[in-house]
Amino acid sequence: MDFLRQAGMSLLGGFIIGVVFGWIKLPAPVPPLLGLIGAAGVLLGGYFYDLIVKLVFK
């Protein structure tokens, strides 16, 4: 449940920053969609590595 709370707060914070940037007519400070997908892959790869290490060296 803690993860959902943190994810929700991150999403809310990003939304607020997006509204502020839109209000003052600045470009969004985020990479293109493919960059976000790549970052998600890196994050999932890190989690997968931790899972493998826990299972193998248990």
PDB file of N, CA and C in Angstrom:
ATOM      1  N   MET A   1       0.823  -1.193   0.000  1.00  0.00           N
ATOM      2  CA  MET A   1       0.000   0.000   0.000  1.00  0.00           C
ATOM      3  C   MET A   1       0.867   1.257   0.000  1.00  0.00           C
ATOM      4  N   ASP A   2       2.044   1.143   0.593  1.00  0.00           N
ATOM      5  CA  ASP A   2       2.933   2.293   0.631  1.00  0.00           C
ATOM      6  C   ASP A   2       3.375   2.682  -0.775  1.00  0.00           C
ATOM      7  N   PHE A   3       3.604   1.681  -1.642  1.00  0.00           N
ATOM      8  CA  PHE A   3       4.007   1.964  -3.022  1.00  0.00           C
ATOM      9  C   PHE A   3       2.927   2.754  -3.747  1.00  0.00           C
ATOM     10  N   LEU A   4       1.671   2.372  -3.564  1.00  0.00           N
ATOM     11  CA  LEU A   4       0.580   3.079  -4.233  1.00  0.00           C
ATOM     12  C   LEU A   4       0.495   4.524  -3.769  1.00  0.00           C
ATOM     13  N   ARG A   5       0.716   4.743  -2.490  1.00  0.00           N
ATOM     14  CA  ARG A   5       0.697   6.110  -1.966  1.00  0.00           C
ATOM     15  C   ARG A   5       1.819   6.931  -2.575  1.00  0.00           C
ATOM     16  N   GLN A   6       3.016   6.359  -2.632  1.00  0.00           N
ATOM     17  CA  GLN A   6       4.160   7.062  -3.220  1.00  0.00           C
ATOM     18  C   GLN A   6       3.950   7.317  -4.708  1.00  0.00           C
ATOM     19  N   ALA A   7       3.417   6.330  -5.419  1.00  0.00           N
ATOM     20  CA  ALA A   7       3.154   6.502  -6.846  1.00  0.00           C
ATOM     21  C   ALA A   7       2.100   7.587  -7.072  1.00  0.00           C
ATOM     22  N   GLY A   8       1.083   7.589  -6.247  1.00  0.00           N
ATOM     23  CA  GLY A   8       0.048   8.616  -6.361  1.00  0.00           C
ATOM     24  C   GLY A   8       0.588  10.006  -6.080  1.00  0.00           C
ATOM     25  N   MET A   9       1.423  10.124  -5.056  1.00  0.00           N
ATOM     26  CA  MET A   9       2.016  11.424  -4.744  1.00  0.00           C
ATOM     27  C   MET A   9       2.947  11.887  -5.863  1.00  0.00           C
ATOM     28  N   SER A  10       3.694  10.966  -6.458  1.00  0.00           N
ATOM     29  CA  SER A  10       4.567  11.314  -7.579  1.00  0.00           C
ATOM     30  C   SER A  10       3.750  11.784  -8.775  1.00  0.00           C
ATOM     31  N   LEU A  11       2.667  11.071  -9.053  1.00  0.00           N
ATOM     32  CA  LEU A  11       1.808  11.466 -10.158  1.00  0.00           C
ATOM     33  C   LEU A  11       1.166  12.831  -9.903  1.00  0.00           C
ATOM     34  N   LEU A  12       0.711  13.062  -8.695  1.00  0.00           N
ATOM     35  CA  LEU A  12       0.111  14.348  -8.348  1.00  0.00           C
ATOM     36  C   LEU A  12       1.137  15.479  -8.455  1.00  0.00           C
ATOM     37  N   GLY A  13       2.342  15.228  -7.954  1.00  0.00           N
ATOM     38  CA  GLY A  13       3.396  16.240  -8.050  1.00  0.00           C
ATOM     39  C   GLY A  13       3.740  16.554  -9.495  1.00  0.00           C
ATOM     40  N   GLY A  14       3.855  15.526 -10.314  1.00  0.00           N
ATOM     41  CA  GLY A  14       4.131  15.744 -11.728  1.00  0.00           C
ATOM     42  C   GLY A  14       3.005  16.493 -12.420  1.00  0.00           C
ATOM     43  N   PHE A  15       1.775  16.179 -12.051  1.00  0.00           N
ATOM     44  CA  PHE A  15       0.621  16.876 -12.625  1.00  0.00           C
ATOM     45  C   PHE A  15       0.653  18.356 -12.281  1.00  0.00           C
ATOM     46  N   ILE A  16       0.950  18.653 -11.020  1.00  0.00           N
ATOM     47  CA  ILE A  16       1.002  20.058 -10.588  1.00  0.00           C
ATOM     48  C   ILE A  16       2.107  20.801 -11.324  1.00  0.00           C
ATOM     49  N   ILE A  17       3.276  20.183 -11.447  1.00  0.00           N
ATOM     50  CA  ILE A  17       4.376  20.812 -12.186  1.00  0.00           C
ATOM     51  C   ILE A  17       3.979  21.018 -13.649  1.00  0.00           C
ATOM     52  N   GLY A  18       3.290  20.038 -14.244  1.00  0.00           N
ATOM     53  CA  GLY A  18       2.831  20.177 -15.624  1.00  0.00           C
ATOM     54  C   GLY A  18       1.870  21.344 -15.797  1.00  0.00           C
ATOM     55  N   VAL A  19       0.969  21.517 -14.843  1.00  0.00           N
ATOM     56  CA  VAL A  19       0.028  22.635 -14.904  1.00  0.00           C
ATOM     57  C   VAL A  19       0.769  23.962 -14.797  1.00  0.00           C
ATOM     58  N   VAL A  20       1.721  24.048 -13.873  1.00  0.00           N
ATOM     59  CA  VAL A  20       2.491  25.289 -13.696  1.00  0.00           C
ATOM     60  C   VAL A  20       3.293  25.592 -14.964  1.00  0.00           C
ATOM     61  N   PHE A  21       3.966  24.584 -15.526  1.00  0.00           N
ATOM     62  CA  PHE A  21       4.740  24.807 -16.743  1.00  0.00           C
ATOM     63  C   PHE A  21       3.826  25.221 -17.898  1.00  0.00           C
ATOM     64  N   GLY A  22       2.653  24.610 -18.003  1.00  0.00           N
ATOM     65  CA  GLY A  22       1.706  24.991 -19.040  1.00  0.00           C
ATOM     66  C   GLY A  22       1.196  26.413 -18.849  1.00  0.00           C
ATOM     67  N   TRP A  23       0.976  26.791 -17.604  1.00  0.00           N
ATOM     68  CA  TRP A  23       0.460  28.116 -17.283  1.00  0.00           C
ATOM     69  C   TRP A  23       1.447  29.206 -17.671  1.00  0.00           C
ATOM     70  N   ILE A  24       2.748  28.957 -17.441  1.00  0.00           N
ATOM     71  CA  ILE A  24       3.746  29.977 -17.791  1.00  0.00           C
ATOM     72  C   ILE A  24       4.361  29.724 -19.172  1.00  0.00           C
ATOM     73  N   LYS A  25       3.724  28.849 -19.947  1.00  0.00           N
ATOM     74  CA  LYS A  25       4.072  28.595 -21.349  1.00  0.00           C
ATOM     75  C   LYS A  25       5.503  28.100 -21.545  1.00  0.00           C
ATOM     76  N   LEU A  26       5.953  27.192 -20.691  1.00  0.00           N
ATOM     77  CA  LEU A  26       7.259  26.564 -20.843  1.00  0.00           C
ATOM     78  C   LEU A  26       7.082  25.155 -21.378  1.00  0.00           C
ATOM     79  N   PRO A  27       8.065  24.637 -22.111  1.00  0.00           N
ATOM     80  CA  PRO A  27       7.961  23.243 -22.559  1.00  0.00           C
ATOM     81  C   PRO A  27       8.077  22.294 -21.370  1.00  0.00           C
ATOM     82  N   ALA A  28       7.453  21.163 -21.477  1.00  0.00           N
ATOM     83  CA  ALA A  28       7.475  20.171 -20.397  1.00  0.00           C
ATOM     84  C   ALA A  28       8.900  19.646 -20.201  1.00  0.00           C
ATOM     85  N   PRO A  29       9.362  19.566 -18.951  1.00  0.00           N
ATOM     86  CA  PRO A  29      10.731  19.116 -18.669  1.00  0.00           C
ATOM     87  C   PRO A  29      10.855  17.596 -18.587  1.00  0.00           C
ATOM     88  N   VAL A  30      10.332  16.908 -19.588  1.00  0.00           N
ATOM     89  CA  VAL A  30      10.374  15.443 -19.603  1.00  0.00           C
ATOM     90  C   VAL A  30      10.918  14.971 -20.950  1.00  0.00           C
ATOM     91  N   PRO A  31      11.523  13.789 -20.966  1.00  0.00           N
ATOM     92  CA  PRO A  31      11.996  13.253 -22.241  1.00  0.00           C
ATOM     93  C   PRO A  31      10.814  12.801 -23.107  1.00  0.00           C
ATOM     94  N   PRO A  32      11.068  12.577 -24.384  1.00  0.00           N
ATOM     95  CA  PRO A  32       9.992  12.062 -25.233  1.00  0.00           C
ATOM     96  C   PRO A  32       9.510  10.693 -24.744  1.00  0.00           C
ATOM     97  N   LEU A  33       8.413  10.235 -25.291  1.00  0.00           N
ATOM     98  CA  LEU A  33       7.786   8.992 -24.840  1.00  0.00           C
ATOM     99  C   LEU A  33       8.754   7.815 -24.897  1.00  0.00           C
ATOM    100  N   LEU A  34       9.564   7.705 -25.946  1.00  0.00           N
ATOM    101  CA  LEU A  34      10.505   6.588 -26.038  1.00  0.00           C
ATOM    102  C   LEU A  34      11.548   6.654 -24.920  1.00  0.00           C
ATOM    103  N   GLY A  35      11.919   7.840 -24.497  1.00  0.00           N
ATOM    104  CA  GLY A  35      12.836   7.965 -23.368  1.00  0.00           C
ATOM    105  C   GLY A  35      12.212   7.466 -22.079  1.00  0.00           C
ATOM    106  N   LEU A  36      10.937   7.755 -21.893  1.00  0.00           N
ATOM    107  CA  LEU A  36      10.233   7.276 -20.699  1.00  0.00           C
ATOM    108  C   LEU A  36      10.098   5.760 -20.719  1.00  0.00           C
ATOM    109  N   ILE A  37       9.837   5.201 -21.889  1.00  0.00           N
ATOM    110  CA  ILE A  37       9.739   3.747 -22.002  1.00  0.00           C
ATOM    111  C   ILE A  37      11.090   3.105 -21.700  1.00  0.00           C
ATOM    112  N   GLY A  38      12.168   3.717 -22.194  1.00  0.00           N
ATOM    113  CA  GLY A  38      13.510   3.209 -21.898  1.00  0.00           C
ATOM    114  C   GLY A  38      13.824   3.276 -20.411  1.00  0.00           C
ATOM    115  N   ALA A  39      13.442   4.372 -19.764  1.00  0.00           N
ATOM    116  CA  ALA A  39      13.670   4.503 -18.323  1.00  0.00           C
ATOM    117  C   ALA A  39      12.878   3.443 -17.554  1.00  0.00           C
ATOM    118  N   ALA A  40      11.664   3.148 -17.997  1.00  0.00           N
ATOM    119  CA  ALA A  40      10.874   2.104 -17.355  1.00  0.00           C
ATOM    120  C   ALA A  40      11.553   0.749 -17.530  1.00  0.00           C
ATOM    121  N   GLY A  41      12.149   0.511 -18.686  1.00  0.00           N
ATOM    122  CA  GLY A  41      12.878  -0.736 -18.914  1.00  0.00           C
ATOM    123  C   GLY A  41      14.068  -0.878 -17.992  1.00  0.00           C
ATOM    124  N   VAL A  42      14.787   0.223 -17.782  1.00  0.00           N
ATOM    125  CA  VAL A  42      15.929   0.198 -16.865  1.00  0.00           C
ATOM    126  C   VAL A  42      15.460  -0.115 -15.450  1.00  0.00           C
ATOM    127  N   LEU A  43      14.383   0.499 -15.036  1.00  0.00           N
ATOM    128  CA  LEU A  43      13.844   0.268 -13.694  1.00  0.00           C
ATOM    129  C   LEU A  43      13.394  -1.182 -13.527  1.00  0.00           C
ATOM    130  N   LEU A  44      12.682  -1.700 -14.509  1.00  0.00           N
ATOM    131  CA  LEU A  44      12.235  -3.096 -14.436  1.00  0.00           C
ATOM    132  C   LEU A  44      13.419  -4.057 -14.465  1.00  0.00           C
ATOM    133  N   GLY A  45      14.433  -3.745 -15.244  1.00  0.00           N
ATOM    134  CA  GLY A  45      15.633  -4.582 -15.281  1.00  0.00           C
ATOM    135  C   GLY A  45      16.315  -4.640 -13.924  1.00  0.00           C
ATOM    136  N   GLY A  46      16.368  -3.508 -13.233  1.00  0.00           N
ATOM    137  CA  GLY A  46      16.959  -3.479 -11.896  1.00  0.00           C
ATOM    138  C   GLY A  46      16.181  -4.321 -10.909  1.00  0.00           C
ATOM    139  N   TYR A  47      14.847  -4.235 -10.972  1.00  0.00           N
ATOM    140  CA  TYR A  47      14.016  -5.056 -10.097  1.00  0.00           C
ATOM    141  C   TYR A  47      14.184  -6.541 -10.414  1.00  0.00           C
ATOM    142  N   PHE A  48      14.268  -6.861 -11.702  1.00  0.00           N
ATOM    143  CA  PHE A  48      14.436  -8.244 -12.135  1.00  0.00           C
ATOM    144  C   PHE A  48      15.769  -8.802 -11.648  1.00  0.00           C
ATOM    145  N   TYR A  49      16.817  -7.994 -11.733  1.00  0.00           N
ATOM    146  CA  TYR A  49      18.129  -8.416 -11.250  1.00  0.00           C
ATOM    147  C   TYR A  49      18.077  -8.720  -9.753  1.00  0.00           C
ATOM    148  N   ASP A  50      17.464  -7.832  -8.974  1.00  0.00           N
ATOM    149  CA  ASP A  50      17.345  -8.066  -7.529  1.00  0.00           C
ATOM    150  C   ASP A  50      16.576  -9.356  -7.241  1.00  0.00           C
ATOM    151  N   LEU A  51      15.522  -9.604  -8.004  1.00  0.00           N
ATOM    152  CA  LEU A  51      14.737 -10.818  -7.823  1.00  0.00           C
ATOM    153  C   LEU A  51      15.575 -12.063  -8.110  1.00  0.00           C
ATOM    154  N   ILE A  52      16.347 -12.040  -9.199  1.00  0.00           N
ATOM    155  CA  ILE A  52      17.196 -13.181  -9.545  1.00  0.00           C
ATOM    156  C   ILE A  52      18.245 -13.425  -8.463  1.00  0.00           C
ATOM    157  N   VAL A  53      18.869 -12.364  -7.974  1.00  0.00           N
ATOM    158  CA  VAL A  53      19.896 -12.510  -6.933  1.00  0.00           C
ATOM    159  C   VAL A  53      19.271 -13.115  -5.673  1.00  0.00           C
ATOM    160  N   LYS A  54      18.087 -12.672  -5.304  1.00  0.00           N
ATOM    161  CA  LYS A  54      17.428 -13.228  -4.111  1.00  0.00           C
ATOM    162  C   LYS A  54      17.073 -14.696  -4.283  1.00  0.00           C
ATOM    163  N   LEU A  55      16.648 -15.061  -5.489  1.00  0.00           N
ATOM    164  CA  LEU A  55      16.264 -16.458  -5.724  1.00  0.00           C
ATOM    165  C   LEU A  55      17.464 -17.376  -5.829  1.00  0.00           C
ATOM    166  N   VAL A  56      18.532 -16.908  -6.452  1.00  0.00           N
ATOM    167  CA  VAL A  56      19.704 -17.766  -6.660  1.00  0.00           C
ATOM    168  C   VAL A  56      20.520 -17.895  -5.381  1.00  0.00           C
ATOM    169  N   PHE A  57      20.739 -16.811  -4.676  1.00  0.00           N
ATOM    170  CA  PHE A  57      21.593 -16.824  -3.489  1.00  0.00           C
ATOM    171  C   PHE A  57      20.793 -16.857  -2.202  1.00  0.00           C
ATOM    172  N   LYS A  58      19.659 -17.463  -2.245  1.00  0.00           N
ATOM    173  CA  LYS A  58      18.759 -17.547  -1.104  1.00  0.00           C
ATOM    174  C   LYS A  58      19.285 -18.394   0.017  1.00  0.00           C
TER     175      LYS A  58
END
